[in-house]
Amino acid sequence: MATGEHPYSVADRPIEVENLINNFPAPSLQGSPLVSPELANFVSRCLKKEPEERSLARELAFDPFVQQIHNFSDEQHVAWLREYTQRKEQLRQMNMNTQI
């Protein structure tokens, strides 16, 4: 949902979503223009299907993305959210223009 879109195009069909979750690799944010590489890496660490491959909460607490956000001031949080919102709107506009 970090991109504003459901990770599966069949979101309105729960049985198909369950099949995708169970039988295919987890969705990825790698390469998305909406998120930083640090956020994409953090999410991928959280979405490992096999519990023994998934990072523990105490490990995630020291992830570069979490550390970066933790150290942000209130103004930096607002600026980050503003930038994210602007990038999302730009991509939405680009997608609308390509569908015409």
C-alpha atoms as a PDB file:
ATOM      1  CA  MET A   1       0.000   0.000   0.000  1.00  0.00           C
ATOM      2  CA  ALA A   2       3.030   2.271   0.084  1.00  0.00           C
ATOM      3  CA  THR A   3       2.366   3.075  -3.560  1.00  0.00           C
ATOM      4  CA  GLY A   4      -1.303   3.849  -2.987  1.00  0.00           C
ATOM      5  CA  GLU A   5      -2.284   0.720  -4.908  1.00  0.00           C
ATOM      6  CA  HIS A   6      -3.146  -2.755  -3.701  1.00  0.00           C
ATOM      7  CA  PRO A   7      -0.202  -5.072  -4.392  1.00  0.00           C
ATOM      8  CA  TYR A   8      -2.497  -7.513  -6.193  1.00  0.00           C
ATOM      9  CA  SER A   9      -4.672  -6.464  -9.108  1.00  0.00           C
ATOM     10  CA  VAL A  10      -7.359  -8.960  -8.051  1.00  0.00           C
ATOM     11  CA  ALA A  11      -7.923  -7.328  -4.648  1.00  0.00           C
ATOM     12  CA  ASP A  12     -11.679  -7.621  -5.043  1.00  0.00           C
ATOM     13  CA  ARG A  13     -11.402 -11.433  -5.270  1.00  0.00           C
ATOM     14  CA  PRO A  14     -10.142 -12.690  -1.885  1.00  0.00           C
ATOM     15  CA  ILE A  15      -9.679 -16.317  -2.949  1.00  0.00           C
ATOM     16  CA  GLU A  16      -7.391 -15.262  -5.804  1.00  0.00           C
ATOM     17  CA  VAL A  17      -5.441 -12.961  -3.484  1.00  0.00           C
ATOM     18  CA  GLU A  18      -5.003 -15.843  -1.047  1.00  0.00           C
ATOM     19  CA  ASN A  19      -3.722 -18.023  -3.903  1.00  0.00           C
ATOM     20  CA  LEU A  20      -1.222 -15.339  -4.959  1.00  0.00           C
ATOM     21  CA  ILE A  21      -0.001 -14.886  -1.386  1.00  0.00           C
ATOM     22  CA  ASN A  22       0.413 -18.622  -0.839  1.00  0.00           C
ATOM     23  CA  ASN A  23       1.907 -19.626  -4.179  1.00  0.00           C
ATOM     24  CA  PHE A  24       3.919 -16.698  -5.506  1.00  0.00           C
ATOM     25  CA  PRO A  25       6.736 -14.479  -4.264  1.00  0.00           C
ATOM     26  CA  ALA A  26       5.808 -11.559  -2.029  1.00  0.00           C
ATOM     27  CA  PRO A  27       5.183  -8.238  -3.756  1.00  0.00           C
ATOM     28  CA  SER A  28       8.173  -5.936  -3.982  1.00  0.00           C
ATOM     29  CA  LEU A  29       8.719  -2.203  -3.871  1.00  0.00           C
ATOM     30  CA  GLN A  30      12.193  -2.491  -5.404  1.00  0.00           C
ATOM     31  CA  GLY A  31      12.515  -0.022  -8.268  1.00  0.00           C
ATOM     32  CA  SER A  32       9.329   1.878  -7.389  1.00  0.00           C
ATOM     33  CA  PRO A  33       9.726   5.615  -8.007  1.00  0.00           C
ATOM     34  CA  LEU A  34       7.432   6.268  -5.038  1.00  0.00           C
ATOM     35  CA  VAL A  35       9.631   4.846  -2.319  1.00  0.00           C
ATOM     36  CA  SER A  36      13.261   5.070  -1.353  1.00  0.00           C
ATOM     37  CA  PRO A  37      15.542   2.053  -1.756  1.00  0.00           C
ATOM     38  CA  GLU A  38      15.790   2.005   2.050  1.00  0.00           C
ATOM     39  CA  LEU A  39      12.017   1.657   2.467  1.00  0.00           C
ATOM     40  CA  ALA A  40      11.849  -0.983  -0.275  1.00  0.00           C
ATOM     41  CA  ASN A  41      14.561  -2.985   1.485  1.00  0.00           C
ATOM     42  CA  PHE A  42      12.842  -2.624   4.877  1.00  0.00           C
ATOM     43  CA  VAL A  43       9.527  -3.885   3.462  1.00  0.00           C
ATOM     44  CA  SER A  44      11.224  -6.808   1.732  1.00  0.00           C
ATOM     45  CA  ARG A  45      12.768  -7.810   5.084  1.00  0.00           C
ATOM     46  CA  CYS A  46       9.276  -7.822   6.605  1.00  0.00           C
ATOM     47  CA  LEU A  47       7.601  -9.792   3.808  1.00  0.00           C
ATOM     48  CA  LYS A  48       9.758 -12.913   3.898  1.00  0.00           C
ATOM     49  CA  LYS A  49       7.387 -15.866   3.838  1.00  0.00           C
ATOM     50  CA  GLU A  50       9.595 -18.238   5.767  1.00  0.00           C
ATOM     51  CA  PRO A  51       9.734 -17.165   9.424  1.00  0.00           C
ATOM     52  CA  GLU A  52      13.379 -18.195   9.799  1.00  0.00           C
ATOM     53  CA  GLU A  53      14.277 -15.857   6.891  1.00  0.00           C
ATOM     54  CA  ARG A  54      12.251 -12.924   8.254  1.00  0.00           C
ATOM     55  CA  SER A  55      14.019 -10.297  10.344  1.00  0.00           C
ATOM     56  CA  LEU A  56      13.141 -10.046  14.009  1.00  0.00           C
ATOM     57  CA  ALA A  57      11.646  -6.846  15.395  1.00  0.00           C
ATOM     58  CA  ARG A  58      14.815  -6.127  17.348  1.00  0.00           C
ATOM     59  CA  GLU A  59      16.801  -6.417  14.091  1.00  0.00           C
ATOM     60  CA  LEU A  60      14.350  -4.224  12.183  1.00  0.00           C
ATOM     61  CA  ALA A  61      14.681  -1.550  14.855  1.00  0.00           C
ATOM     62  CA  PHE A  62      18.237  -0.990  13.618  1.00  0.00           C
ATOM     63  CA  ASP A  63      17.380  -1.094   9.917  1.00  0.00           C
ATOM     64  CA  PRO A  64      18.745   1.974   8.060  1.00  0.00           C
ATOM     65  CA  PHE A  65      15.215   3.071   7.085  1.00  0.00           C
ATOM     66  CA  VAL A  66      13.941   2.945  10.662  1.00  0.00           C
ATOM     67  CA  GLN A  67      17.022   4.722  11.955  1.00  0.00           C
ATOM     68  CA  GLN A  68      16.657   7.444   9.316  1.00  0.00           C
ATOM     69  CA  ILE A  69      12.977   8.047  10.115  1.00  0.00           C
ATOM     70  CA  HIS A  70      13.589   7.839  13.861  1.00  0.00           C
ATOM     71  CA  ASN A  71      16.098  10.669  13.619  1.00  0.00           C
ATOM     72  CA  PHE A  72      13.805  12.952  11.603  1.00  0.00           C
ATOM     73  CA  SER A  73      12.537  16.139  13.161  1.00  0.00           C
ATOM     74  CA  ASP A  74       8.829  16.976  12.866  1.00  0.00           C
ATOM     75  CA  GLU A  75       9.653  19.297   9.964  1.00  0.00           C
ATOM     76  CA  GLN A  76      11.535  16.525   8.167  1.00  0.00           C
ATOM     77  CA  HIS A  77       8.590  14.143   8.608  1.00  0.00           C
ATOM     78  CA  VAL A  78       6.251  16.727   7.077  1.00  0.00           C
ATOM     79  CA  ALA A  79       8.665  17.375   4.191  1.00  0.00           C
ATOM     80  CA  TRP A  80       9.046  13.629   3.564  1.00  0.00           C
ATOM     81  CA  LEU A  81       5.270  13.135   3.467  1.00  0.00           C
ATOM     82  CA  ARG A  82       4.852  16.161   1.199  1.00  0.00           C
ATOM     83  CA  GLU A  83       7.479  14.828  -1.231  1.00  0.00           C
ATOM     84  CA  TYR A  84       5.872  11.385  -1.224  1.00  0.00           C
ATOM     85  CA  THR A  85       2.445  12.876  -1.936  1.00  0.00           C
ATOM     86  CA  GLN A  86       3.824  14.997  -4.783  1.00  0.00           C
ATOM     87  CA  ARG A  87       5.602  12.025  -6.388  1.00  0.00           C
ATOM     88  CA  LYS A  88       2.453   9.930  -6.107  1.00  0.00           C
ATOM     89  CA  GLU A  89       0.366  12.664  -7.758  1.00  0.00           C
ATOM     90  CA  GLN A  90       2.916  13.079 -10.559  1.00  0.00           C
ATOM     91  CA  LEU A  91       2.826   9.364 -11.291  1.00  0.00           C
ATOM     92  CA  ARG A  92      -0.966   9.359 -11.190  1.00  0.00           C
ATOM     93  CA  GLN A  93      -1.018  12.203 -13.725  1.00  0.00           C
ATOM     94  CA  MET A  94       1.480  10.388 -15.946  1.00  0.00           C
ATOM     95  CA  ASN A  95      -0.642   7.230 -15.827  1.00  0.00           C
ATOM     96  CA  MET A  96      -3.774   9.195 -16.703  1.00  0.00           C
ATOM     97  CA  ASN A  97      -1.996  10.797 -19.673  1.00  0.00           C
ATOM     98  CA  THR A  98      -0.826   7.435 -21.026  1.00  0.00           C
ATOM     99  CA  GLN A  99      -4.340   6.000 -20.871  1.00  0.00           C
ATOM    100  CA  ILE A 100      -5.814   8.702 -23.111  1.00  0.00           C
END
